[in-house]
């Protein structure tokens, strides 16, 4: 049985690995890749997605989406992923053409075409999704599941003490999505730093698989690994988008989840974009997300290795 996916991405080094995992997963058909500004400006993110799909010898349509957050200026994460978003290792990330049509319109049309049978995976700021919901609120009930890499289910943030980048970049968009009634599974940054961090030994093992894709997945983390080790105080680079995608592809990778109410902070600059997770139901609100609390490092690792071995 074929499962239908839309992947919404601000394609940088961790997104590229996630795309590879999705493209290589059996039984999954990616109907569209929609691109949003975030890690890098939208046109660079489009080129990065096109390059990654080409590397996998796939023919998946890629659509340019929103170039800036709903009401705030764009603040990229190029200081994390490199100016080109792919580690600044001189890849030829230019000159390719996306499919015609706007990402938001394509998202709406594709969700309706596969109503009840479409999984939406979001790897960047939620600007495209929020814009689609504003234009057509009915898509909220047509999506089978929306797996969101964003926020933190437990613990601290990666851009402020409490904020994760994707929600911080466009908190108003995140708020719209979480209040839409869409069936949401939230995979926060806490899952990545706990279960998807690659120390030098892990990195060497991945590279030693020896395929072009294995080397690519390591090489494009060149700037991320420095940021992760010096700023995030991790043992190496981490892959938040990739473990979120793994959970979308294979739900059992999430070993503990809980239905909880999640609010998005949009007013406080100190707490901008915080995912306020009501673990003890003190607000008395109905849960609006399935929050991933723990994941299987072993299953994620095996999925990643299987994906890059196939090249």
C-alpha atoms as a PDB file:
ATOM      1  CA  UNK A   1       0.000   0.000   0.000  1.00  0.00           C
ATOM      2  CA  UNK A   2       1.389   3.373  -1.047  1.00  0.00           C
ATOM      3  CA  UNK A   3       1.420   6.198   1.495  1.00  0.00           C
ATOM      4  CA  UNK A   4       1.264   9.736   0.137  1.00  0.00           C
ATOM      5  CA  UNK A   5       3.463  12.486   1.591  1.00  0.00           C
ATOM      6  CA  UNK A   6       4.015  16.212   1.228  1.00  0.00           C
ATOM      7  CA  UNK A   7       7.284  17.449   2.700  1.00  0.00           C
ATOM      8  CA  UNK A   8       7.549  21.130   3.554  1.00  0.00           C
ATOM      9  CA  UNK A   9      11.177  22.164   4.012  1.00  0.00           C
ATOM     10  CA  UNK A  10      13.568  25.092   4.441  1.00  0.00           C
ATOM     11  CA  UNK A  11      16.218  22.864   2.943  1.00  0.00           C
ATOM     12  CA  UNK A  12      19.551  22.928   4.715  1.00  0.00           C
ATOM     13  CA  UNK A  13      21.910  20.185   5.812  1.00  0.00           C
ATOM     14  CA  UNK A  14      19.590  18.321   8.194  1.00  0.00           C
ATOM     15  CA  UNK A  15      16.588  18.691   5.857  1.00  0.00           C
ATOM     16  CA  UNK A  16      18.603  17.149   3.015  1.00  0.00           C
ATOM     17  CA  UNK A  17      19.236  14.003   5.054  1.00  0.00           C
ATOM     18  CA  UNK A  18      15.537  13.861   5.907  1.00  0.00           C
ATOM     19  CA  UNK A  19      14.608  14.116   2.225  1.00  0.00           C
ATOM     20  CA  UNK A  20      16.970  11.255   1.393  1.00  0.00           C
ATOM     21  CA  UNK A  21      15.408   9.072   4.080  1.00  0.00           C
ATOM     22  CA  UNK A  22      11.917   9.791   2.759  1.00  0.00           C
ATOM     23  CA  UNK A  23      12.846   9.273  -0.885  1.00  0.00           C
ATOM     24  CA  UNK A  24      14.495   5.942  -0.095  1.00  0.00           C
ATOM     25  CA  UNK A  25      11.744   4.585   2.144  1.00  0.00           C
ATOM     26  CA  UNK A  26       9.658   1.782   0.614  1.00  0.00           C
ATOM     27  CA  UNK A  27       5.952   2.320   0.190  1.00  0.00           C
ATOM     28  CA  UNK A  28       6.113   6.121   0.384  1.00  0.00           C
ATOM     29  CA  UNK A  29       5.324   8.398  -2.539  1.00  0.00           C
ATOM     30  CA  UNK A  30       6.280  12.044  -2.094  1.00  0.00           C
ATOM     31  CA  UNK A  31       3.667  13.949  -4.056  1.00  0.00           C
ATOM     32  CA  UNK A  32       5.337  17.327  -3.627  1.00  0.00           C
ATOM     33  CA  UNK A  33       8.196  19.038  -1.852  1.00  0.00           C
ATOM     34  CA  UNK A  34       7.176  22.544  -0.837  1.00  0.00           C
ATOM     35  CA  UNK A  35       9.861  25.011   0.158  1.00  0.00           C
ATOM     36  CA  UNK A  36       9.746  27.830   2.701  1.00  0.00           C
ATOM     37  CA  UNK A  37      12.216  30.446   3.869  1.00  0.00           C
ATOM     38  CA  UNK A  38      13.938  29.582   7.130  1.00  0.00           C
ATOM     39  CA  UNK A  39      17.396  28.110   7.501  1.00  0.00           C
ATOM     40  CA  UNK A  40      18.295  29.939   4.291  1.00  0.00           C
ATOM     41  CA  UNK A  41      16.394  32.308   1.972  1.00  0.00           C
ATOM     42  CA  UNK A  42      13.704  30.517   0.010  1.00  0.00           C
ATOM     43  CA  UNK A  43      15.500  30.537  -3.353  1.00  0.00           C
ATOM     44  CA  UNK A  44      18.583  28.918  -1.821  1.00  0.00           C
ATOM     45  CA  UNK A  45      16.378  26.364  -0.075  1.00  0.00           C
ATOM     46  CA  UNK A  46      14.779  25.542  -3.447  1.00  0.00           C
ATOM     47  CA  UNK A  47      18.190  24.951  -5.020  1.00  0.00           C
ATOM     48  CA  UNK A  48      19.235  22.748  -2.102  1.00  0.00           C
ATOM     49  CA  UNK A  49      16.101  20.642  -2.441  1.00  0.00           C
ATOM     50  CA  UNK A  50      16.532  20.330  -6.207  1.00  0.00           C
ATOM     51  CA  UNK A  51      20.151  19.242  -5.786  1.00  0.00           C
ATOM     52  CA  UNK A  52      19.261  16.617  -3.171  1.00  0.00           C
ATOM     53  CA  UNK A  53      16.441  15.152  -5.246  1.00  0.00           C
ATOM     54  CA  UNK A  54      18.696  15.059  -8.295  1.00  0.00           C
ATOM     55  CA  UNK A  55      21.383  13.286  -6.267  1.00  0.00           C
ATOM     56  CA  UNK A  56      18.830  10.588  -5.473  1.00  0.00           C
ATOM     57  CA  UNK A  57      17.822  10.370  -9.140  1.00  0.00           C
ATOM     58  CA  UNK A  58      14.210  11.134  -8.281  1.00  0.00           C
ATOM     59  CA  UNK A  59      11.558  13.059 -10.224  1.00  0.00           C
ATOM     60  CA  UNK A  60       9.662  14.764  -7.421  1.00  0.00           C
ATOM     61  CA  UNK A  61       8.170  18.218  -8.103  1.00  0.00           C
ATOM     62  CA  UNK A  62       9.587  20.993  -5.932  1.00  0.00           C
ATOM     63  CA  UNK A  63       7.654  24.224  -5.429  1.00  0.00           C
ATOM     64  CA  UNK A  64       8.788  27.610  -4.176  1.00  0.00           C
ATOM     65  CA  UNK A  65       6.774  28.940  -1.263  1.00  0.00           C
ATOM     66  CA  UNK A  66       6.700  31.834   1.159  1.00  0.00           C
ATOM     67  CA  UNK A  67       9.841  34.017   1.185  1.00  0.00           C
ATOM     68  CA  UNK A  68       9.326  35.451   4.682  1.00  0.00           C
ATOM     69  CA  UNK A  69       7.360  34.832   7.897  1.00  0.00           C
ATOM     70  CA  UNK A  70       3.762  36.036   8.141  1.00  0.00           C
ATOM     71  CA  UNK A  71       4.471  39.337   9.899  1.00  0.00           C
ATOM     72  CA  UNK A  72       8.130  39.289  10.971  1.00  0.00           C
ATOM     73  CA  UNK A  73      11.340  39.785   9.021  1.00  0.00           C
ATOM     74  CA  UNK A  74      13.202  36.651   7.981  1.00  0.00           C
ATOM     75  CA  UNK A  75      16.005  35.623  10.333  1.00  0.00           C
ATOM     76  CA  UNK A  76      17.888  32.740   8.744  1.00  0.00           C
ATOM     77  CA  UNK A  77      20.078  30.117  10.418  1.00  0.00           C
ATOM     78  CA  UNK A  78      22.963  30.478   7.966  1.00  0.00           C
ATOM     79  CA  UNK A  79      25.314  30.933  10.896  1.00  0.00           C
ATOM     80  CA  UNK A  80      24.457  27.314  11.754  1.00  0.00           C
ATOM     81  CA  UNK A  81      24.228  25.590   8.353  1.00  0.00           C
ATOM     82  CA  UNK A  82      26.523  27.796   6.253  1.00  0.00           C
ATOM     83  CA  UNK A  83      25.727  30.549   3.785  1.00  0.00           C
ATOM     84  CA  UNK A  84      24.436  27.982   1.290  1.00  0.00           C
ATOM     85  CA  UNK A  85      22.791  25.906   4.015  1.00  0.00           C
ATOM     86  CA  UNK A  86      24.757  22.832   2.973  1.00  0.00           C
ATOM     87  CA  UNK A  87      27.999  23.280   4.855  1.00  0.00           C
ATOM     88  CA  UNK A  88      29.668  25.687   2.396  1.00  0.00           C
ATOM     89  CA  UNK A  89      31.544  22.816   0.746  1.00  0.00           C
ATOM     90  CA  UNK A  90      31.275  24.264  -2.776  1.00  0.00           C
ATOM     91  CA  UNK A  91      28.407  22.164  -4.058  1.00  0.00           C
ATOM     92  CA  UNK A  92      26.866  23.406  -7.348  1.00  0.00           C
ATOM     93  CA  UNK A  93      23.683  24.712  -5.732  1.00  0.00           C
ATOM     94  CA  UNK A  94      22.361  26.938  -8.505  1.00  0.00           C
ATOM     95  CA  UNK A  95      20.777  26.966 -11.927  1.00  0.00           C
ATOM     96  CA  UNK A  96      18.032  24.379 -11.388  1.00  0.00           C
ATOM     97  CA  UNK A  97      14.378  25.227 -11.953  1.00  0.00           C
ATOM     98  CA  UNK A  98      11.522  24.332  -9.594  1.00  0.00           C
ATOM     99  CA  UNK A  99       8.137  23.221 -10.842  1.00  0.00           C
ATOM    100  CA  UNK A 100       5.696  25.939 -11.855  1.00  0.00           C
ATOM    101  CA  UNK A 101       3.083  26.898  -9.310  1.00  0.00           C
ATOM    102  CA  UNK A 102       3.151  28.261  -5.784  1.00  0.00           C
ATOM    103  CA  UNK A 103       3.876  25.891  -2.908  1.00  0.00           C
ATOM    104  CA  UNK A 104       0.835  27.002  -0.905  1.00  0.00           C
ATOM    105  CA  UNK A 105      -1.626  26.412  -3.742  1.00  0.00           C
ATOM    106  CA  UNK A 106      -0.018  23.055  -4.562  1.00  0.00           C
ATOM    107  CA  UNK A 107      -0.205  22.061  -0.895  1.00  0.00           C
ATOM    108  CA  UNK A 108      -3.922  22.832  -0.759  1.00  0.00           C
ATOM    109  CA  UNK A 109      -4.687  21.021  -4.006  1.00  0.00           C
ATOM    110  CA  UNK A 110      -2.613  17.970  -3.098  1.00  0.00           C
ATOM    111  CA  UNK A 111      -4.175  17.645   0.348  1.00  0.00           C
ATOM    112  CA  UNK A 112      -7.643  17.681  -1.183  1.00  0.00           C
ATOM    113  CA  UNK A 113      -6.634  15.244  -3.916  1.00  0.00           C
ATOM    114  CA  UNK A 114      -5.502  12.723  -1.313  1.00  0.00           C
ATOM    115  CA  UNK A 115      -7.951  13.738   1.419  1.00  0.00           C
ATOM    116  CA  UNK A 116      -7.742  11.425   4.396  1.00  0.00           C
ATOM    117  CA  UNK A 117      -4.664   9.721   2.998  1.00  0.00           C
ATOM    118  CA  UNK A 118      -1.957  12.383   3.018  1.00  0.00           C
ATOM    119  CA  UNK A 119       0.823  12.840   5.552  1.00  0.00           C
ATOM    120  CA  UNK A 120       2.244  16.338   5.805  1.00  0.00           C
ATOM    121  CA  UNK A 121       5.795  16.504   7.170  1.00  0.00           C
ATOM    122  CA  UNK A 122       7.072  19.948   8.112  1.00  0.00           C
ATOM    123  CA  UNK A 123      10.789  20.556   8.580  1.00  0.00           C
ATOM    124  CA  UNK A 124      10.981  24.362   8.712  1.00  0.00           C
ATOM    125  CA  UNK A 125       8.972  27.376   9.860  1.00  0.00           C
ATOM    126  CA  UNK A 126       5.258  26.785   9.409  1.00  0.00           C
ATOM    127  CA  UNK A 127       4.638  29.774   7.128  1.00  0.00           C
ATOM    128  CA  UNK A 128       3.518  27.747   4.091  1.00  0.00           C
ATOM    129  CA  UNK A 129       1.171  25.596   6.167  1.00  0.00           C
ATOM    130  CA  UNK A 130      -0.343  28.541   8.027  1.00  0.00           C
ATOM    131  CA  UNK A 131      -0.869  30.420   4.763  1.00  0.00           C
ATOM    132  CA  UNK A 132      -2.574  27.361   3.289  1.00  0.00           C
ATOM    133  CA  UNK A 133      -4.849  27.110   6.337  1.00  0.00           C
ATOM    134  CA  UNK A 134      -5.757  30.779   6.037  1.00  0.00           C
ATOM    135  CA  UNK A 135      -6.713  30.277   2.396  1.00  0.00           C
ATOM    136  CA  UNK A 136      -8.544  26.997   2.966  1.00  0.00           C
ATOM    137  CA  UNK A 137      -9.250  25.989   6.586  1.00  0.00           C
ATOM    138  CA  UNK A 138     -10.854  22.744   5.384  1.00  0.00           C
ATOM    139  CA  UNK A 139      -7.452  21.201   4.719  1.00  0.00           C
ATOM    140  CA  UNK A 140      -6.998  20.769   8.476  1.00  0.00           C
ATOM    141  CA  UNK A 141      -9.446  17.876   8.483  1.00  0.00           C
ATOM    142  CA  UNK A 142      -8.244  16.455   5.175  1.00  0.00           C
ATOM    143  CA  UNK A 143      -4.708  15.752   6.386  1.00  0.00           C
ATOM    144  CA  UNK A 144      -4.260  12.260   7.793  1.00  0.00           C
ATOM    145  CA  UNK A 145      -1.410  13.424  10.003  1.00  0.00           C
ATOM    146  CA  UNK A 146       0.911  16.415  10.212  1.00  0.00           C
ATOM    147  CA  UNK A 147       4.313  15.516  11.645  1.00  0.00           C
ATOM    148  CA  UNK A 148       6.020  18.715  12.761  1.00  0.00           C
ATOM    149  CA  UNK A 149       9.679  19.135  13.553  1.00  0.00           C
ATOM    150  CA  UNK A 150       9.520  22.073  15.893  1.00  0.00           C
ATOM    151  CA  UNK A 151       9.358  23.249  19.451  1.00  0.00           C
ATOM    152  CA  UNK A 152      10.502  21.273  22.438  1.00  0.00           C
ATOM    153  CA  UNK A 153       8.384  18.708  24.211  1.00  0.00           C
ATOM    154  CA  UNK A 154      10.643  18.808  27.244  1.00  0.00           C
ATOM    155  CA  UNK A 155      13.612  20.994  28.074  1.00  0.00           C
ATOM    156  CA  UNK A 156      15.332  24.029  26.619  1.00  0.00           C
ATOM    157  CA  UNK A 157      15.504  25.631  23.205  1.00  0.00           C
ATOM    158  CA  UNK A 158      18.220  26.037  20.597  1.00  0.00           C
ATOM    159  CA  UNK A 159      17.847  29.737  19.752  1.00  0.00           C
ATOM    160  CA  UNK A 160      16.543  31.140  23.042  1.00  0.00           C
ATOM    161  CA  UNK A 161      16.482  29.467  26.457  1.00  0.00           C
ATOM    162  CA  UNK A 162      12.986  28.153  25.694  1.00  0.00           C
ATOM    163  CA  UNK A 163      12.563  28.537  21.925  1.00  0.00           C
ATOM    164  CA  UNK A 164      13.324  26.183  19.047  1.00  0.00           C
ATOM    165  CA  UNK A 165      14.254  27.852  15.743  1.00  0.00           C
ATOM    166  CA  UNK A 166      11.353  26.760  13.496  1.00  0.00           C
ATOM    167  CA  UNK A 167       8.693  28.089  15.875  1.00  0.00           C
ATOM    168  CA  UNK A 168      10.803  31.131  16.833  1.00  0.00           C
ATOM    169  CA  UNK A 169      11.256  32.095  13.164  1.00  0.00           C
ATOM    170  CA  UNK A 170       7.495  32.375  12.597  1.00  0.00           C
ATOM    171  CA  UNK A 171       5.585  31.979  15.866  1.00  0.00           C
ATOM    172  CA  UNK A 172       2.376  33.391  14.412  1.00  0.00           C
ATOM    173  CA  UNK A 173       2.383  30.646  11.781  1.00  0.00           C
ATOM    174  CA  UNK A 174       2.981  27.962  14.408  1.00  0.00           C
ATOM    175  CA  UNK A 175       0.102  29.326  16.458  1.00  0.00           C
ATOM    176  CA  UNK A 176      -2.271  29.122  13.478  1.00  0.00           C
ATOM    177  CA  UNK A 177      -1.288  25.520  12.780  1.00  0.00           C
ATOM    178  CA  UNK A 178      -1.661  24.359  16.375  1.00  0.00           C
ATOM    179  CA  UNK A 179      -5.053  26.036  16.661  1.00  0.00           C
ATOM    180  CA  UNK A 180      -6.315  24.648  13.332  1.00  0.00           C
ATOM    181  CA  UNK A 181      -7.618  21.283  14.503  1.00  0.00           C
ATOM    182  CA  UNK A 182      -5.153  19.452  12.271  1.00  0.00           C
ATOM    183  CA  UNK A 183      -3.986  16.108  13.629  1.00  0.00           C
ATOM    184  CA  UNK A 184      -0.483  16.999  14.804  1.00  0.00           C
ATOM    185  CA  UNK A 185       2.462  14.934  15.960  1.00  0.00           C
ATOM    186  CA  UNK A 186       5.148  17.228  17.369  1.00  0.00           C
ATOM    187  CA  UNK A 187       8.772  16.103  17.330  1.00  0.00           C
ATOM    188  CA  UNK A 188      10.734  18.685  19.280  1.00  0.00           C
ATOM    189  CA  UNK A 189      14.410  19.526  19.280  1.00  0.00           C
ATOM    190  CA  UNK A 190      14.738  17.666  22.583  1.00  0.00           C
ATOM    191  CA  UNK A 191      14.217  14.408  20.662  1.00  0.00           C
ATOM    192  CA  UNK A 192      17.052  15.264  18.288  1.00  0.00           C
ATOM    193  CA  UNK A 193      19.654  16.268  20.849  1.00  0.00           C
ATOM    194  CA  UNK A 194      18.830  13.161  22.891  1.00  0.00           C
ATOM    195  CA  UNK A 195      18.429  10.543  20.153  1.00  0.00           C
ATOM    196  CA  UNK A 196      19.851  11.945  16.895  1.00  0.00           C
ATOM    197  CA  UNK A 197      23.277  13.367  17.736  1.00  0.00           C
ATOM    198  CA  UNK A 198      26.290  12.009  15.876  1.00  0.00           C
ATOM    199  CA  UNK A 199      29.636  12.014  17.652  1.00  0.00           C
ATOM    200  CA  UNK A 200      32.896  11.603  15.670  1.00  0.00           C
ATOM    201  CA  UNK A 201      32.743   7.798  15.933  1.00  0.00           C
ATOM    202  CA  UNK A 202      29.158   7.729  14.627  1.00  0.00           C
ATOM    203  CA  UNK A 203      30.126  10.073  11.823  1.00  0.00           C
ATOM    204  CA  UNK A 204      33.039   7.861  10.812  1.00  0.00           C
ATOM    205  CA  UNK A 205      30.778   4.799  10.807  1.00  0.00           C
ATOM    206  CA  UNK A 206      28.241   6.546   8.599  1.00  0.00           C
ATOM    207  CA  UNK A 207      30.903   7.761   6.181  1.00  0.00           C
ATOM    208  CA  UNK A 208      32.447   4.274   6.045  1.00  0.00           C
ATOM    209  CA  UNK A 209      29.288   2.939   4.390  1.00  0.00           C
ATOM    210  CA  UNK A 210      31.079   4.351   1.395  1.00  0.00           C
ATOM    211  CA  UNK A 211      28.250   5.358  -0.916  1.00  0.00           C
ATOM    212  CA  UNK A 212      27.975   8.860  -2.401  1.00  0.00           C
ATOM    213  CA  UNK A 213      24.893   9.492  -0.280  1.00  0.00           C
ATOM    214  CA  UNK A 214      26.647   8.440   2.931  1.00  0.00           C
ATOM    215  CA  UNK A 215      29.507  10.834   2.230  1.00  0.00           C
ATOM    216  CA  UNK A 216      27.091  13.594   1.237  1.00  0.00           C
ATOM    217  CA  UNK A 217      25.100  13.245   4.468  1.00  0.00           C
ATOM    218  CA  UNK A 218      28.294  13.710   6.489  1.00  0.00           C
ATOM    219  CA  UNK A 219      30.027  16.366   4.390  1.00  0.00           C
ATOM    220  CA  UNK A 220      27.112  18.811   4.364  1.00  0.00           C
ATOM    221  CA  UNK A 221      27.205  18.990   8.176  1.00  0.00           C
ATOM    222  CA  UNK A 222      30.572  20.806   8.070  1.00  0.00           C
ATOM    223  CA  UNK A 223      29.356  24.054   9.604  1.00  0.00           C
ATOM    224  CA  UNK A 224      26.576  22.498  11.692  1.00  0.00           C
ATOM    225  CA  UNK A 225      29.002  20.275  13.580  1.00  0.00           C
ATOM    226  CA  UNK A 226      31.034  23.273  14.701  1.00  0.00           C
ATOM    227  CA  UNK A 227      27.946  25.120  15.897  1.00  0.00           C
ATOM    228  CA  UNK A 228      26.562  22.059  17.651  1.00  0.00           C
ATOM    229  CA  UNK A 229      29.745  21.348  19.550  1.00  0.00           C
ATOM    230  CA  UNK A 230      30.571  24.932  20.504  1.00  0.00           C
ATOM    231  CA  UNK A 231      27.130  26.511  20.992  1.00  0.00           C
ATOM    232  CA  UNK A 232      24.682  23.669  21.667  1.00  0.00           C
ATOM    233  CA  UNK A 233      27.301  21.724  23.637  1.00  0.00           C
ATOM    234  CA  UNK A 234      26.494  18.470  21.855  1.00  0.00           C
ATOM    235  CA  UNK A 235      28.932  15.657  21.095  1.00  0.00           C
ATOM    236  CA  UNK A 236      28.568  16.326  17.365  1.00  0.00           C
ATOM    237  CA  UNK A 237      25.981  17.405  14.799  1.00  0.00           C
ATOM    238  CA  UNK A 238      22.351  16.466  15.328  1.00  0.00           C
ATOM    239  CA  UNK A 239      19.606  15.787  12.784  1.00  0.00           C
ATOM    240  CA  UNK A 240      16.252  17.058  14.071  1.00  0.00           C
ATOM    241  CA  UNK A 241      14.523  17.002  10.676  1.00  0.00           C
ATOM    242  CA  UNK A 242      15.753  13.506   9.984  1.00  0.00           C
ATOM    243  CA  UNK A 243      14.459  11.914  13.176  1.00  0.00           C
ATOM    244  CA  UNK A 244      11.118  13.707  12.730  1.00  0.00           C
ATOM    245  CA  UNK A 245      10.906  12.283   9.212  1.00  0.00           C
ATOM    246  CA  UNK A 246      11.870   8.842  10.503  1.00  0.00           C
ATOM    247  CA  UNK A 247       8.915   9.009  12.899  1.00  0.00           C
ATOM    248  CA  UNK A 248       6.604  10.025  10.050  1.00  0.00           C
ATOM    249  CA  UNK A 249       7.881   7.123   7.956  1.00  0.00           C
ATOM    250  CA  UNK A 250       7.938   4.560  10.744  1.00  0.00           C
ATOM    251  CA  UNK A 251       5.820   5.645  13.743  1.00  0.00           C
ATOM    252  CA  UNK A 252       7.312   3.041  16.069  1.00  0.00           C
ATOM    253  CA  UNK A 253      10.544   5.066  16.091  1.00  0.00           C
ATOM    254  CA  UNK A 254       8.663   7.196  18.631  1.00  0.00           C
ATOM    255  CA  UNK A 255       8.727   4.997  21.715  1.00  0.00           C
ATOM    256  CA  UNK A 256       6.760   7.307  23.996  1.00  0.00           C
ATOM    257  CA  UNK A 257       4.155   9.904  23.063  1.00  0.00           C
ATOM    258  CA  UNK A 258       1.407  11.724  24.919  1.00  0.00           C
ATOM    259  CA  UNK A 259      -1.617  13.705  23.789  1.00  0.00           C
ATOM    260  CA  UNK A 260      -1.175  17.179  25.257  1.00  0.00           C
ATOM    261  CA  UNK A 261      -2.255  20.760  24.796  1.00  0.00           C
ATOM    262  CA  UNK A 262       0.439  22.895  23.175  1.00  0.00           C
ATOM    263  CA  UNK A 263       0.252  26.686  22.980  1.00  0.00           C
ATOM    264  CA  UNK A 264       2.680  28.868  21.014  1.00  0.00           C
ATOM    265  CA  UNK A 265       3.977  32.074  22.594  1.00  0.00           C
ATOM    266  CA  UNK A 266       3.770  35.034  20.195  1.00  0.00           C
ATOM    267  CA  UNK A 267       3.836  38.100  22.452  1.00  0.00           C
ATOM    268  CA  UNK A 268       6.937  37.804  24.621  1.00  0.00           C
ATOM    269  CA  UNK A 269      10.292  38.507  22.972  1.00  0.00           C
ATOM    270  CA  UNK A 270      12.059  36.625  25.750  1.00  0.00           C
ATOM    271  CA  UNK A 271       9.908  33.540  25.150  1.00  0.00           C
ATOM    272  CA  UNK A 272       9.179  34.098  21.443  1.00  0.00           C
ATOM    273  CA  UNK A 273       8.024  30.903  19.743  1.00  0.00           C
ATOM    274  CA  UNK A 274       8.072  28.795  22.887  1.00  0.00           C
ATOM    275  CA  UNK A 275       6.007  25.623  22.639  1.00  0.00           C
ATOM    276  CA  UNK A 276       4.175  25.762  25.956  1.00  0.00           C
ATOM    277  CA  UNK A 277       3.407  22.093  26.583  1.00  0.00           C
ATOM    278  CA  UNK A 278       0.784  21.530  29.262  1.00  0.00           C
ATOM    279  CA  UNK A 279       2.032  18.229  30.669  1.00  0.00           C
ATOM    280  CA  UNK A 280      -0.319  18.258  33.672  1.00  0.00           C
ATOM    281  CA  UNK A 281      -3.420  19.751  32.009  1.00  0.00           C
ATOM    282  CA  UNK A 282      -3.360  22.741  34.345  1.00  0.00           C
ATOM    283  CA  UNK A 283      -4.958  24.910  31.642  1.00  0.00           C
ATOM    284  CA  UNK A 284      -7.893  22.547  31.243  1.00  0.00           C
ATOM    285  CA  UNK A 285      -7.610  22.648  27.458  1.00  0.00           C
ATOM    286  CA  UNK A 286      -8.291  19.757  25.105  1.00  0.00           C
ATOM    287  CA  UNK A 287      -5.072  18.182  23.760  1.00  0.00           C
ATOM    288  CA  UNK A 288      -4.191  19.426  20.277  1.00  0.00           C
ATOM    289  CA  UNK A 289      -1.007  17.460  19.601  1.00  0.00           C
ATOM    290  CA  UNK A 290       0.604  14.102  20.109  1.00  0.00           C
ATOM    291  CA  UNK A 291       3.951  15.086  21.600  1.00  0.00           C
ATOM    292  CA  UNK A 292       6.878  12.725  21.129  1.00  0.00           C
ATOM    293  CA  UNK A 293       8.714  12.277  24.434  1.00  0.00           C
ATOM    294  CA  UNK A 294      11.153   9.482  23.620  1.00  0.00           C
ATOM    295  CA  UNK A 295      12.465   7.785  20.482  1.00  0.00           C
ATOM    296  CA  UNK A 296      14.543   4.789  19.475  1.00  0.00           C
ATOM    297  CA  UNK A 297      18.066   5.773  18.541  1.00  0.00           C
ATOM    298  CA  UNK A 298      18.698   2.265  17.206  1.00  0.00           C
ATOM    299  CA  UNK A 299      15.718   2.274  14.838  1.00  0.00           C
ATOM    300  CA  UNK A 300      16.552   5.767  13.603  1.00  0.00           C
ATOM    301  CA  UNK A 301      20.189   4.805  13.006  1.00  0.00           C
ATOM    302  CA  UNK A 302      19.191   1.680  11.096  1.00  0.00           C
ATOM    303  CA  UNK A 303      16.782   3.649   8.899  1.00  0.00           C
ATOM    304  CA  UNK A 304      19.429   6.227   8.072  1.00  0.00           C
ATOM    305  CA  UNK A 305      22.033   3.620   7.229  1.00  0.00           C
ATOM    306  CA  UNK A 306      19.573   1.688   5.077  1.00  0.00           C
ATOM    307  CA  UNK A 307      18.701   4.860   3.171  1.00  0.00           C
ATOM    308  CA  UNK A 308      22.270   5.769   2.277  1.00  0.00           C
ATOM    309  CA  UNK A 309      23.337   2.187   1.489  1.00  0.00           C
ATOM    310  CA  UNK A 310      20.920   2.092  -1.411  1.00  0.00           C
ATOM    311  CA  UNK A 311      22.935   4.522  -3.511  1.00  0.00           C
END
